Amino acid sequence: MRRRSAVVLVWVFLCPIVASVAWNVDRRLALALVATALGGVVALAAGRVRAAVGDAASRGEGDGWSLIPNRQYEGRHAESGGIARGEQERALREIEAEAERRDREE
């Protein structure tokens, strides 16, 4: 959320500066400056998205366990009587395999 707020603030303060520079220079130069700035923003955003997607895939995000370090859920947690991480992941794999088997049968 902070990053988005920072981006919005930068744009709010940067756009009038770019507009005033673009207004006071030759029209072609202004278009080139604006196009270059927008191209840079798009390139940076695309790079960040690619990096985030690659990092998420390599870290295993999306499986629900990424927020919990492995060392904390190696065994049972006695307070809540839950199952170990490995047991839950094994159960999920079994459920997925059963669903795939049923899909093939239909």
PDB file of N, CA and C in Angstrom:
ATOM      1  N   MET A   1       0.824  -1.189   0.000  1.00  0.00           N
ATOM      2  CA  MET A   1       0.000   0.000   0.000  1.00  0.00           C
ATOM      3  C   MET A   1       0.869   1.254   0.000  1.00  0.00           C
ATOM      4  N   ARG A   2       1.954   1.225   0.760  1.00  0.00           N
ATOM      5  CA  ARG A   2       2.838   2.389   0.789  1.00  0.00           C
ATOM      6  C   ARG A   2       3.443   2.670  -0.580  1.00  0.00           C
ATOM      7  N   ARG A   3       3.822   1.590  -1.258  1.00  0.00           N
ATOM      8  CA  ARG A   3       4.440   1.769  -2.567  1.00  0.00           C
ATOM      9  C   ARG A   3       3.457   2.400  -3.542  1.00  0.00           C
ATOM     10  N   ARG A   4       2.218   1.948  -3.506  1.00  0.00           N
ATOM     11  CA  ARG A   4       1.207   2.522  -4.403  1.00  0.00           C
ATOM     12  C   ARG A   4       0.972   3.989  -4.078  1.00  0.00           C
ATOM     13  N   SER A   5       0.926   4.302  -2.799  1.00  0.00           N
ATOM     14  CA  SER A   5       0.750   5.701  -2.397  1.00  0.00           C
ATOM     15  C   SER A   5       1.914   6.548  -2.876  1.00  0.00           C
ATOM     16  N   ALA A   6       3.117   6.007  -2.766  1.00  0.00           N
ATOM     17  CA  ALA A   6       4.301   6.738  -3.219  1.00  0.00           C
ATOM     18  C   ALA A   6       4.253   6.966  -4.726  1.00  0.00           C
ATOM     19  N   VAL A   7       3.833   5.956  -5.459  1.00  0.00           N
ATOM     20  CA  VAL A   7       3.739   6.094  -6.917  1.00  0.00           C
ATOM     21  C   VAL A   7       2.720   7.164  -7.281  1.00  0.00           C
ATOM     22  N   VAL A   8       1.593   7.162  -6.611  1.00  0.00           N
ATOM     23  CA  VAL A   8       0.562   8.174  -6.884  1.00  0.00           C
ATOM     24  C   VAL A   8       1.095   9.565  -6.578  1.00  0.00           C
ATOM     25  N   LEU A   9       1.770   9.721  -5.442  1.00  0.00           N
ATOM     26  CA  LEU A   9       2.321  11.032  -5.090  1.00  0.00           C
ATOM     27  C   LEU A   9       3.368  11.498  -6.098  1.00  0.00           C
ATOM     28  N   VAL A  10       4.229  10.585  -6.533  1.00  0.00           N
ATOM     29  CA  VAL A  10       5.241  10.957  -7.528  1.00  0.00           C
ATOM     30  C   VAL A  10       4.564  11.421  -8.805  1.00  0.00           C
ATOM     31  N   TRP A  11       3.539  10.700  -9.244  1.00  0.00           N
ATOM     32  CA  TRP A  11       2.837  11.103 -10.456  1.00  0.00           C
ATOM     33  C   TRP A  11       2.138  12.444 -10.280  1.00  0.00           C
ATOM     34  N   VAL A  12       1.550  12.653  -9.115  1.00  0.00           N
ATOM     35  CA  VAL A  12       0.856  13.922  -8.867  1.00  0.00           C
ATOM     36  C   VAL A  12       1.831  15.090  -8.943  1.00  0.00           C
ATOM     37  N   PHE A  13       3.021  14.908  -8.404  1.00  0.00           N
ATOM     38  CA  PHE A  13       4.001  15.992  -8.419  1.00  0.00           C
ATOM     39  C   PHE A  13       4.804  16.053  -9.717  1.00  0.00           C
ATOM     40  N   LEU A  14       4.962  14.924 -10.392  1.00  0.00           N
ATOM     41  CA  LEU A  14       5.782  14.890 -11.597  1.00  0.00           C
ATOM     42  C   LEU A  14       5.013  15.340 -12.839  1.00  0.00           C
ATOM     43  N   CYS A  15       3.747  15.011 -12.920  1.00  0.00           N
ATOM     44  CA  CYS A  15       2.965  15.355 -14.116  1.00  0.00           C
ATOM     45  C   CYS A  15       2.930  16.853 -14.407  1.00  0.00           C
ATOM     46  N   PRO A  16       2.718  17.724 -13.431  1.00  0.00           N
ATOM     47  CA  PRO A  16       2.736  19.160 -13.750  1.00  0.00           C
ATOM     48  C   PRO A  16       4.102  19.638 -14.246  1.00  0.00           C
ATOM     49  N   ILE A  17       5.161  19.064 -13.718  1.00  0.00           N
ATOM     50  CA  ILE A  17       6.503  19.449 -14.170  1.00  0.00           C
ATOM     51  C   ILE A  17       6.697  19.032 -15.619  1.00  0.00           C
ATOM     52  N   VAL A  18       6.339  17.796 -15.923  1.00  0.00           N
ATOM     53  CA  VAL A  18       6.471  17.313 -17.304  1.00  0.00           C
ATOM     54  C   VAL A  18       5.577  18.134 -18.230  1.00  0.00           C
ATOM     55  N   ALA A  19       4.370  18.439 -17.792  1.00  0.00           N
ATOM     56  CA  ALA A  19       3.455  19.229 -18.623  1.00  0.00           C
ATOM     57  C   ALA A  19       4.002  20.624 -18.882  1.00  0.00           C
ATOM     58  N   SER A  20       4.581  21.256 -17.865  1.00  0.00           N
ATOM     59  CA  SER A  20       5.110  22.610 -18.070  1.00  0.00           C
ATOM     60  C   SER A  20       6.317  22.596 -18.995  1.00  0.00           C
ATOM     61  N   VAL A  21       7.163  21.581 -18.869  1.00  0.00           N
ATOM     62  CA  VAL A  21       8.309  21.476 -19.780  1.00  0.00           C
ATOM     63  C   VAL A  21       7.810  21.211 -21.192  1.00  0.00           C
ATOM     64  N   ALA A  22       6.856  20.301 -21.327  1.00  0.00           N
ATOM     65  CA  ALA A  22       6.323  19.973 -22.648  1.00  0.00           C
ATOM     66  C   ALA A  22       5.635  21.177 -23.283  1.00  0.00           C
ATOM     67  N   TRP A  23       5.011  22.015 -22.478  1.00  0.00           N
ATOM     68  CA  TRP A  23       4.307  23.184 -22.985  1.00  0.00           C
ATOM     69  C   TRP A  23       5.276  24.236 -23.515  1.00  0.00           C
ATOM     70  N   ASN A  24       6.461  24.309 -22.931  1.00  0.00           N
ATOM     71  CA  ASN A  24       7.406  25.377 -23.258  1.00  0.00           C
ATOM     72  C   ASN A  24       8.472  24.998 -24.278  1.00  0.00           C
ATOM     73  N   VAL A  25       8.452  23.799 -24.791  1.00  0.00           N
ATOM     74  CA  VAL A  25       9.439  23.403 -25.795  1.00  0.00           C
ATOM     75  C   VAL A  25       8.719  23.079 -27.094  1.00  0.00           C
ATOM     76  N   ASP A  26       9.510  22.792 -28.113  1.00  0.00           N
ATOM     77  CA  ASP A  26       8.964  22.436 -29.418  1.00  0.00           C
ATOM     78  C   ASP A  26       8.020  21.236 -29.287  1.00  0.00           C
ATOM     79  N   ARG A  27       6.983  21.230 -30.102  1.00  0.00           N
ATOM     80  CA  ARG A  27       5.956  20.191 -30.005  1.00  0.00           C
ATOM     81  C   ARG A  27       6.528  18.785 -30.195  1.00  0.00           C
ATOM     82  N   ARG A  28       7.402  18.604 -31.172  1.00  0.00           N
ATOM     83  CA  ARG A  28       7.991  17.284 -31.418  1.00  0.00           C
ATOM     84  C   ARG A  28       8.866  16.838 -30.257  1.00  0.00           C
ATOM     85  N   LEU A  29       9.627  17.772 -29.715  1.00  0.00           N
ATOM     86  CA  LEU A  29      10.471  17.455 -28.566  1.00  0.00           C
ATOM     87  C   LEU A  29       9.606  17.085 -27.355  1.00  0.00           C
ATOM     88  N   ALA A  30       8.516  17.808 -27.169  1.00  0.00           N
ATOM     89  CA  ALA A  30       7.613  17.506 -26.055  1.00  0.00           C
ATOM     90  C   ALA A  30       7.023  16.106 -26.191  1.00  0.00           C
ATOM     91  N   LEU A  31       6.586  15.762 -27.402  1.00  0.00           N
ATOM     92  CA  LEU A  31       6.044  14.420 -27.629  1.00  0.00           C
ATOM     93  C   LEU A  31       7.100  13.351 -27.397  1.00  0.00           C
ATOM     94  N   ALA A  32       8.320  13.629 -27.839  1.00  0.00           N
ATOM     95  CA  ALA A  32       9.406  12.668 -27.628  1.00  0.00           C
ATOM     96  C   ALA A  32       9.702  12.495 -26.140  1.00  0.00           C
ATOM     97  N   LEU A  33       9.715  13.592 -25.382  1.00  0.00           N
ATOM     98  CA  LEU A  33       9.967  13.508 -23.943  1.00  0.00           C
ATOM     99  C   LEU A  33       8.874  12.727 -23.223  1.00  0.00           C
ATOM    100  N   VAL A  34       7.632  13.024 -23.559  1.00  0.00           N
ATOM    101  CA  VAL A  34       6.516  12.326 -22.915  1.00  0.00           C
ATOM    102  C   VAL A  34       6.526  10.846 -23.289  1.00  0.00           C
ATOM    103  N   ALA A  35       6.762  10.545 -24.565  1.00  0.00           N
ATOM    104  CA  ALA A  35       6.805   9.147 -25.000  1.00  0.00           C
ATOM    105  C   ALA A  35       7.946   8.394 -24.323  1.00  0.00           C
ATOM    106  N   THR A  36       9.094   9.041 -24.191  1.00  0.00           N
ATOM    107  CA  THR A  36      10.229   8.410 -23.518  1.00  0.00           C
ATOM    108  C   THR A  36       9.916   8.147 -22.050  1.00  0.00           C
ATOM    109  N   ALA A  37       9.306   9.124 -21.393  1.00  0.00           N
ATOM    110  CA  ALA A  37       8.949   8.949 -19.980  1.00  0.00           C
ATOM    111  C   ALA A  37       7.942   7.814 -19.806  1.00  0.00           C
ATOM    112  N   LEU A  38       6.915   7.791 -20.639  1.00  0.00           N
ATOM    113  CA  LEU A  38       5.922   6.723 -20.545  1.00  0.00           C
ATOM    114  C   LEU A  38       6.526   5.361 -20.886  1.00  0.00           C
ATOM    115  N   GLY A  39       7.397   5.332 -21.879  1.00  0.00           N
ATOM    116  CA  GLY A  39       8.077   4.082 -22.213  1.00  0.00           C
ATOM    117  C   GLY A  39       8.927   3.571 -21.060  1.00  0.00           C
ATOM    118  N   GLY A  40       9.607   4.488 -20.390  1.00  0.00           N
ATOM    119  CA  GLY A  40      10.403   4.096 -19.224  1.00  0.00           C
ATOM    120  C   GLY A  40       9.546   3.540 -18.105  1.00  0.00           C
ATOM    121  N   VAL A  41       8.418   4.180 -17.860  1.00  0.00           N
ATOM    122  CA  VAL A  41       7.509   3.702 -16.812  1.00  0.00           C
ATOM    123  C   VAL A  41       6.975   2.318 -17.157  1.00  0.00           C
ATOM    124  N   VAL A  42       6.585   2.129 -18.410  1.00  0.00           N
ATOM    125  CA  VAL A  42       6.070   0.826 -18.835  1.00  0.00           C
ATOM    126  C   VAL A  42       7.152  -0.241 -18.719  1.00  0.00           C
ATOM    127  N   ALA A  43       8.377   0.083 -19.124  1.00  0.00           N
ATOM    128  CA  ALA A  43       9.472  -0.888 -19.030  1.00  0.00           C
ATOM    129  C   ALA A  43       9.764  -1.257 -17.577  1.00  0.00           C
ATOM    130  N   LEU A  44       9.787  -0.268 -16.697  1.00  0.00           N
ATOM    131  CA  LEU A  44      10.020  -0.555 -15.279  1.00  0.00           C
ATOM    132  C   LEU A  44       8.900  -1.406 -14.689  1.00  0.00           C
ATOM    133  N   ALA A  45       7.670  -1.062 -15.023  1.00  0.00           N
ATOM    134  CA  ALA A  45       6.535  -1.827 -14.495  1.00  0.00           C
ATOM    135  C   ALA A  45       6.561  -3.265 -15.004  1.00  0.00           C
ATOM    136  N   ALA A  46       6.857  -3.440 -16.288  1.00  0.00           N
ATOM    137  CA  ALA A  46       6.915  -4.789 -16.849  1.00  0.00           C
ATOM    138  C   ALA A  46       8.030  -5.601 -16.198  1.00  0.00           C
ATOM    139  N   GLY A  47       9.169  -4.970 -15.970  1.00  0.00           N
ATOM    140  CA  GLY A  47      10.270  -5.663 -15.303  1.00  0.00           C
ATOM    141  C   GLY A  47       9.912  -6.076 -13.892  1.00  0.00           C
ATOM    142  N   ARG A  48       9.241  -5.199 -13.178  1.00  0.00           N
ATOM    143  CA  ARG A  48       8.833  -5.531 -11.799  1.00  0.00           C
ATOM    144  C   ARG A  48       7.806  -6.654 -11.783  1.00  0.00           C
ATOM    145  N   VAL A  49       6.876  -6.625 -12.725  1.00  0.00           N
ATOM    146  CA  VAL A  49       5.863  -7.679 -12.778  1.00  0.00           C
ATOM    147  C   VAL A  49       6.517  -9.015 -13.089  1.00  0.00           C
ATOM    148  N   ARG A  50       7.424  -9.038 -14.075  1.00  0.00           N
ATOM    149  CA  ARG A  50       8.123 -10.282 -14.405  1.00  0.00           C
ATOM    150  C   ARG A  50       8.917 -10.801 -13.221  1.00  0.00           C
ATOM    151  N   ALA A  51       9.612  -9.909 -12.539  1.00  0.00           N
ATOM    152  CA  ALA A  51      10.408 -10.317 -11.381  1.00  0.00           C
ATOM    153  C   ALA A  51       9.512 -10.846 -10.268  1.00  0.00           C
ATOM    154  N   ALA A  52       8.388 -10.186 -10.043  1.00  0.00           N
ATOM    155  CA  ALA A  52       7.475 -10.627  -8.981  1.00  0.00           C
ATOM    156  C   ALA A  52       6.879 -11.990  -9.303  1.00  0.00           C
ATOM    157  N   VAL A  53       6.515 -12.197 -10.562  1.00  0.00           N
ATOM    158  CA  VAL A  53       5.947 -13.486 -10.958  1.00  0.00           C
ATOM    159  C   VAL A  53       7.003 -14.572 -10.839  1.00  0.00           C
ATOM    160  N   GLY A  54       8.221 -14.287 -11.282  1.00  0.00           N
ATOM    161  CA  GLY A  54       9.302 -15.264 -11.174  1.00  0.00           C
ATOM    162  C   GLY A  54       9.643 -15.582  -9.737  1.00  0.00           C
ATOM    163  N   ASP A  55       9.700 -14.561  -8.894  1.00  0.00           N
ATOM    164  CA  ASP A  55      10.003 -14.771  -7.478  1.00  0.00           C
ATOM    165  C   ASP A  55       8.904 -15.570  -6.796  1.00  0.00           C
ATOM    166  N   ALA A  56       7.660 -15.254  -7.122  1.00  0.00           N
ATOM    167  CA  ALA A  56       6.543 -15.963  -6.494  1.00  0.00           C
ATOM    168  C   ALA A  56       6.568 -17.438  -6.871  1.00  0.00           C
ATOM    169  N   ALA A  57       6.878 -17.714  -8.132  1.00  0.00           N
ATOM    170  CA  ALA A  57       6.925 -19.108  -8.566  1.00  0.00           C
ATOM    171  C   ALA A  57       8.074 -19.857  -7.907  1.00  0.00           C
ATOM    172  N   SER A  58       9.219 -19.206  -7.786  1.00  0.00           N
ATOM    173  CA  SER A  58      10.370 -19.886  -7.196  1.00  0.00           C
ATOM    174  C   SER A  58      10.220 -20.067  -5.696  1.00  0.00           C
ATOM    175  N   ARG A  59       9.482 -19.174  -5.039  1.00  0.00           N
ATOM    176  CA  ARG A  59       9.287 -19.290  -3.598  1.00  0.00           C
ATOM    177  C   ARG A  59       8.114 -20.189  -3.256  1.00  0.00           C
ATOM    178  N   GLY A  60       7.349 -20.602  -4.237  1.00  0.00           N
ATOM    179  CA  GLY A  60       6.201 -21.450  -3.957  1.00  0.00           C
ATOM    180  C   GLY A  60       5.011 -20.685  -3.422  1.00  0.00           C
ATOM    181  N   GLU A  61       4.956 -19.387  -3.696  1.00  0.00           N
ATOM    182  CA  GLU A  61       3.811 -18.619  -3.230  1.00  0.00           C
ATOM    183  C   GLU A  61       2.572 -19.102  -3.950  1.00  0.00           C
ATOM    184  N   GLY A  62       1.482 -18.992  -3.292  1.00  0.00           N
ATOM    185  CA  GLY A  62       0.246 -19.455  -3.873  1.00  0.00           C
ATOM    186  C   GLY A  62      -0.201 -20.772  -3.266  1.00  0.00           C
ATOM    187  N   ASP A  63       0.687 -21.454  -2.541  1.00  0.00           N
ATOM    188  CA  ASP A  63       0.281 -22.691  -1.906  1.00  0.00           C
ATOM    189  C   ASP A  63      -0.216 -22.464  -0.485  1.00  0.00           C
ATOM    190  N   GLY A  64      -0.219 -21.217  -0.042  1.00  0.00           N
ATOM    191  CA  GLY A  64      -0.746 -20.900   1.269  1.00  0.00           C
ATOM    192  C   GLY A  64       0.261 -21.000   2.393  1.00  0.00           C
ATOM    193  N   TRP A  65       1.376 -21.658   2.154  1.00  0.00           N
ATOM    194  CA  TRP A  65       2.367 -21.845   3.210  1.00  0.00           C
ATOM    195  C   TRP A  65       3.510 -20.852   3.123  1.00  0.00           C
ATOM    196  N   SER A  66       3.512 -20.004   2.127  1.00  0.00           N
ATOM    197  CA  SER A  66       4.654 -19.117   1.918  1.00  0.00           C
ATOM    198  C   SER A  66       4.854 -18.138   3.062  1.00  0.00           C
ATOM    199  N   LEU A  67       3.817 -17.821   3.810  1.00  0.00           N
ATOM    200  CA  LEU A  67       3.950 -16.883   4.913  1.00  0.00           C
ATOM    201  C   LEU A  67       4.502 -17.540   6.166  1.00  0.00           C
ATOM    202  N   ILE A  68       4.527 -18.861   6.200  1.00  0.00           N
ATOM    203  CA  ILE A  68       4.976 -19.590   7.381  1.00  0.00           C
ATOM    204  C   ILE A  68       6.314 -20.252   7.065  1.00  0.00           C
ATOM    205  N   PRO A  69       7.369 -19.913   7.794  1.00  0.00           N
ATOM    206  CA  PRO A  69       8.665 -20.554   7.546  1.00  0.00           C
ATOM    207  C   PRO A  69       8.588 -22.063   7.772  1.00  0.00           C
ATOM    208  N   ASN A  70       9.332 -22.813   6.966  1.00  0.00           N
ATOM    209  CA  ASN A  70       9.324 -24.274   7.075  1.00  0.00           C
ATOM    210  C   ASN A  70       9.656 -24.743   8.476  1.00  0.00           C
ATOM    211  N   ARG A  71      10.615 -24.101   9.101  1.00  0.00           N
ATOM    212  CA  ARG A  71      11.078 -24.579  10.409  1.00  0.00           C
ATOM    213  C   ARG A  71       9.984 -24.510  11.471  1.00  0.00           C
ATOM    214  N   GLN A  72       8.966 -23.687  11.252  1.00  0.00           N
ATOM    215  CA  GLN A  72       7.913 -23.554  12.254  1.00  0.00           C
ATOM    216  C   GLN A  72       6.843 -24.633  12.138  1.00  0.00           C
ATOM    217  N   TYR A  73       6.722 -25.264  10.999  1.00  0.00           N
ATOM    218  CA  TYR A  73       5.668 -26.255  10.831  1.00  0.00           C
ATOM    219  C   TYR A  73       6.221 -27.602  10.397  1.00  0.00           C
ATOM    220  N   GLU A  74       7.342 -27.976  10.954  1.00  0.00           N
ATOM    221  CA  GLU A  74       7.902 -29.297  10.696  1.00  0.00           C
ATOM    222  C   GLU A  74       7.092 -30.357  11.447  1.00  0.00           C
ATOM    223  N   GLY A  75       6.646 -30.047  12.637  1.00  0.00           N
ATOM    224  CA  GLY A  75       5.900 -31.005  13.451  1.00  0.00           C
ATOM    225  C   GLY A  75       4.547 -30.456  13.833  1.00  0.00           C
ATOM    226  N   ARG A  76       3.888 -31.141  14.736  1.00  0.00           N
ATOM    227  CA  ARG A  76       2.560 -30.704  15.186  1.00  0.00           C
ATOM    228  C   ARG A  76       2.675 -29.485  16.083  1.00  0.00           C
ATOM    229  N   HIS A  77       1.701 -28.626  16.002  1.00  0.00           N
ATOM    230  CA  HIS A  77       1.640 -27.500  16.921  1.00  0.00           C
ATOM    231  C   HIS A  77       0.593 -27.849  17.966  1.00  0.00           C
ATOM    232  N   ALA A  78       1.058 -28.034  19.182  1.00  0.00           N
ATOM    233  CA  ALA A  78       0.244 -28.617  20.246  1.00  0.00           C
ATOM    234  C   ALA A  78      -0.926 -27.732  20.660  1.00  0.00           C
ATOM    235  N   GLU A  79      -0.752 -26.421  20.612  1.00  0.00           N
ATOM    236  CA  GLU A  79      -1.809 -25.531  21.091  1.00  0.00           C
ATOM    237  C   GLU A  79      -3.122 -25.748  20.353  1.00  0.00           C
ATOM    238  N   SER A  80      -3.058 -25.864  19.065  1.00  0.00           N
ATOM    239  CA  SER A  80      -4.297 -25.972  18.298  1.00  0.00           C
ATOM    240  C   SER A  80      -4.578 -27.390  17.815  1.00  0.00           C
ATOM    241  N   GLY A  81      -3.673 -28.311  18.082  1.00  0.00           N
ATOM    242  CA  GLY A  81      -3.900 -29.701  17.691  1.00  0.00           C
ATOM    243  C   GLY A  81      -3.901 -29.919  16.197  1.00  0.00           C
ATOM    244  N   GLY A  82      -3.241 -29.041  15.458  1.00  0.00           N
ATOM    245  CA  GLY A  82      -3.236 -29.138  14.006  1.00  0.00           C
ATOM    246  C   GLY A  82      -2.306 -30.209  13.483  1.00  0.00           C
ATOM    247  N   ILE A  83      -2.379 -30.427  12.193  1.00  0.00           N
ATOM    248  CA  ILE A  83      -1.495 -31.411  11.575  1.00  0.00           C
ATOM    249  C   ILE A  83      -0.240 -30.722  11.078  1.00  0.00           C
ATOM    250  N   ALA A  84       0.780 -31.498  10.863  1.00  0.00           N
ATOM    251  CA  ALA A  84       2.045 -30.956  10.382  1.00  0.00           C
ATOM    252  C   ALA A  84       1.899 -30.507   8.932  1.00  0.00           C
ATOM    253  N   ARG A  85       2.770 -29.622   8.533  1.00  0.00           N
ATOM    254  CA  ARG A  85       2.729 -29.085   7.177  1.00  0.00           C
ATOM    255  C   ARG A  85       2.839 -30.202   6.148  1.00  0.00           C
ATOM    256  N   GLY A  86       3.777 -31.104   6.362  1.00  0.00           N
ATOM    257  CA  GLY A  86       3.959 -32.206   5.415  1.00  0.00           C
ATOM    258  C   GLY A  86       2.715 -33.062   5.286  1.00  0.00           C
ATOM    259  N   GLU A  87       2.054 -33.312   6.415  1.00  0.00           N
ATOM    260  CA  GLU A  87       0.828 -34.108   6.383  1.00  0.00           C
ATOM    261  C   GLU A  87      -0.269 -33.398   5.600  1.00  0.00           C
ATOM    262  N   GLN A  88      -0.384 -32.102   5.797  1.00  0.00           N
ATOM    263  CA  GLN A  88      -1.422 -31.362   5.079  1.00  0.00           C
ATOM    264  C   GLN A  88      -1.110 -31.305   3.586  1.00  0.00           C
ATOM    265  N   GLU A  89       0.143 -31.082   3.231  1.00  0.00           N
ATOM    266  CA  GLU A  89       0.496 -31.044   1.813  1.00  0.00           C
ATOM    267  C   GLU A  89       0.267 -32.404   1.168  1.00  0.00           C
ATOM    268  N   ARG A  90       0.593 -33.475   1.881  1.00  0.00           N
ATOM    269  CA  ARG A  90       0.360 -34.819   1.360  1.00  0.00           C
ATOM    270  C   ARG A  90      -1.143 -35.047   1.167  1.00  0.00           C
ATOM    271  N   ALA A  91      -1.959 -34.615   2.121  1.00  0.00           N
ATOM    272  CA  ALA A  91      -3.411 -34.764   1.998  1.00  0.00           C
ATOM    273  C   ALA A  91      -3.943 -33.980   0.797  1.00  0.00           C
ATOM    274  N   LEU A  92      -3.414 -32.777   0.580  1.00  0.00           N
ATOM    275  CA  LEU A  92      -3.845 -31.983  -0.576  1.00  0.00           C
ATOM    276  C   LEU A  92      -3.465 -32.664  -1.887  1.00  0.00           C
ATOM    277  N   ARG A  93      -2.253 -33.235  -1.943  1.00  0.00           N
ATOM    278  CA  ARG A  93      -1.841 -33.958  -3.159  1.00  0.00           C
ATOM    279  C   ARG A  93      -2.762 -35.147  -3.412  1.00  0.00           C
ATOM    280  N   GLU A  94      -3.136 -35.861  -2.341  1.00  0.00           N
ATOM    281  CA  GLU A  94      -4.039 -37.000  -2.496  1.00  0.00           C
ATOM    282  C   GLU A  94      -5.405 -36.553  -3.009  1.00  0.00           C
ATOM    283  N   ILE A  95      -5.900 -35.442  -2.499  1.00  0.00           N
ATOM    284  CA  ILE A  95      -7.193 -34.921  -2.954  1.00  0.00           C
ATOM    285  C   ILE A  95      -7.117 -34.525  -4.425  1.00  0.00           C
ATOM    286  N   GLU A  96      -6.022 -33.848  -4.811  1.00  0.00           N
ATOM    287  CA  GLU A  96      -5.859 -33.451  -6.212  1.00  0.00           C
ATOM    288  C   GLU A  96      -5.756 -34.673  -7.113  1.00  0.00           C
ATOM    289  N   ALA A  97      -5.018 -35.697  -6.682  1.00  0.00           N
ATOM    290  CA  ALA A  97      -4.888 -36.915  -7.481  1.00  0.00           C
ATOM    291  C   ALA A  97      -6.241 -37.603  -7.631  1.00  0.00           C
ATOM    292  N   GLU A  98      -7.014 -37.642  -6.562  1.00  0.00           N
ATOM    293  CA  GLU A  98      -8.346 -38.246  -6.616  1.00  0.00           C
ATOM    294  C   GLU A  98      -9.253 -37.467  -7.571  1.00  0.00           C
ATOM    295  N   ALA A  99      -9.175 -36.138  -7.534  1.00  0.00           N
ATOM    296  CA  ALA A  99      -9.984 -35.318  -8.439  1.00  0.00           C
ATOM    297  C   ALA A  99      -9.589 -35.559  -9.890  1.00  0.00           C
ATOM    298  N   GLU A 100      -8.284 -35.652 -10.158  1.00  0.00           N
ATOM    299  CA  GLU A 100      -7.829 -35.925 -11.522  1.00  0.00           C
ATOM    300  C   GLU A 100      -8.294 -37.299 -11.981  1.00  0.00           C
ATOM    301  N   ARG A 101      -8.238 -38.296 -11.084  1.00  0.00           N
ATOM    302  CA  ARG A 101      -8.680 -39.644 -11.430  1.00  0.00           C
ATOM    303  C   ARG A 101     -10.171 -39.637 -11.776  1.00  0.00           C
ATOM    304  N   ARG A 102     -10.962 -38.910 -11.009  1.00  0.00           N
ATOM    305  CA  ARG A 102     -12.399 -38.836 -11.276  1.00  0.00           C
ATOM    306  C   ARG A 102     -12.682 -38.109 -12.585  1.00  0.00           C
ATOM    307  N   ASP A 103     -11.890 -37.075 -12.884  1.00  0.00           N
ATOM    308  CA  ASP A 103     -12.071 -36.354 -14.149  1.00  0.00           C
ATOM    309  C   ASP A 103     -11.785 -37.264 -15.334  1.00  0.00           C
ATOM    310  N   ARG A 104     -10.765 -38.111 -15.212  1.00  0.00           N
ATOM    311  CA  ARG A 104     -10.429 -39.026 -16.312  1.00  0.00           C
ATOM    312  C   ARG A 104     -11.517 -40.068 -16.513  1.00  0.00           C
ATOM    313  N   GLU A 105     -12.162 -40.489 -15.422  1.00  0.00           N
ATOM    314  CA  GLU A 105     -13.204 -41.508 -15.516  1.00  0.00           C
ATOM    315  C   GLU A 105     -14.468 -40.977 -16.179  1.00  0.00           C
ATOM    316  N   GLU A 106     -14.716 -39.686 -16.046  1.00  0.00           N
ATOM    317  CA  GLU A 106     -15.952 -39.110 -16.603  1.00  0.00           C
ATOM    318  C   GLU A 106     -15.891 -38.899 -18.064  1.00  0.00           C
TER     319      GLU A 106
END
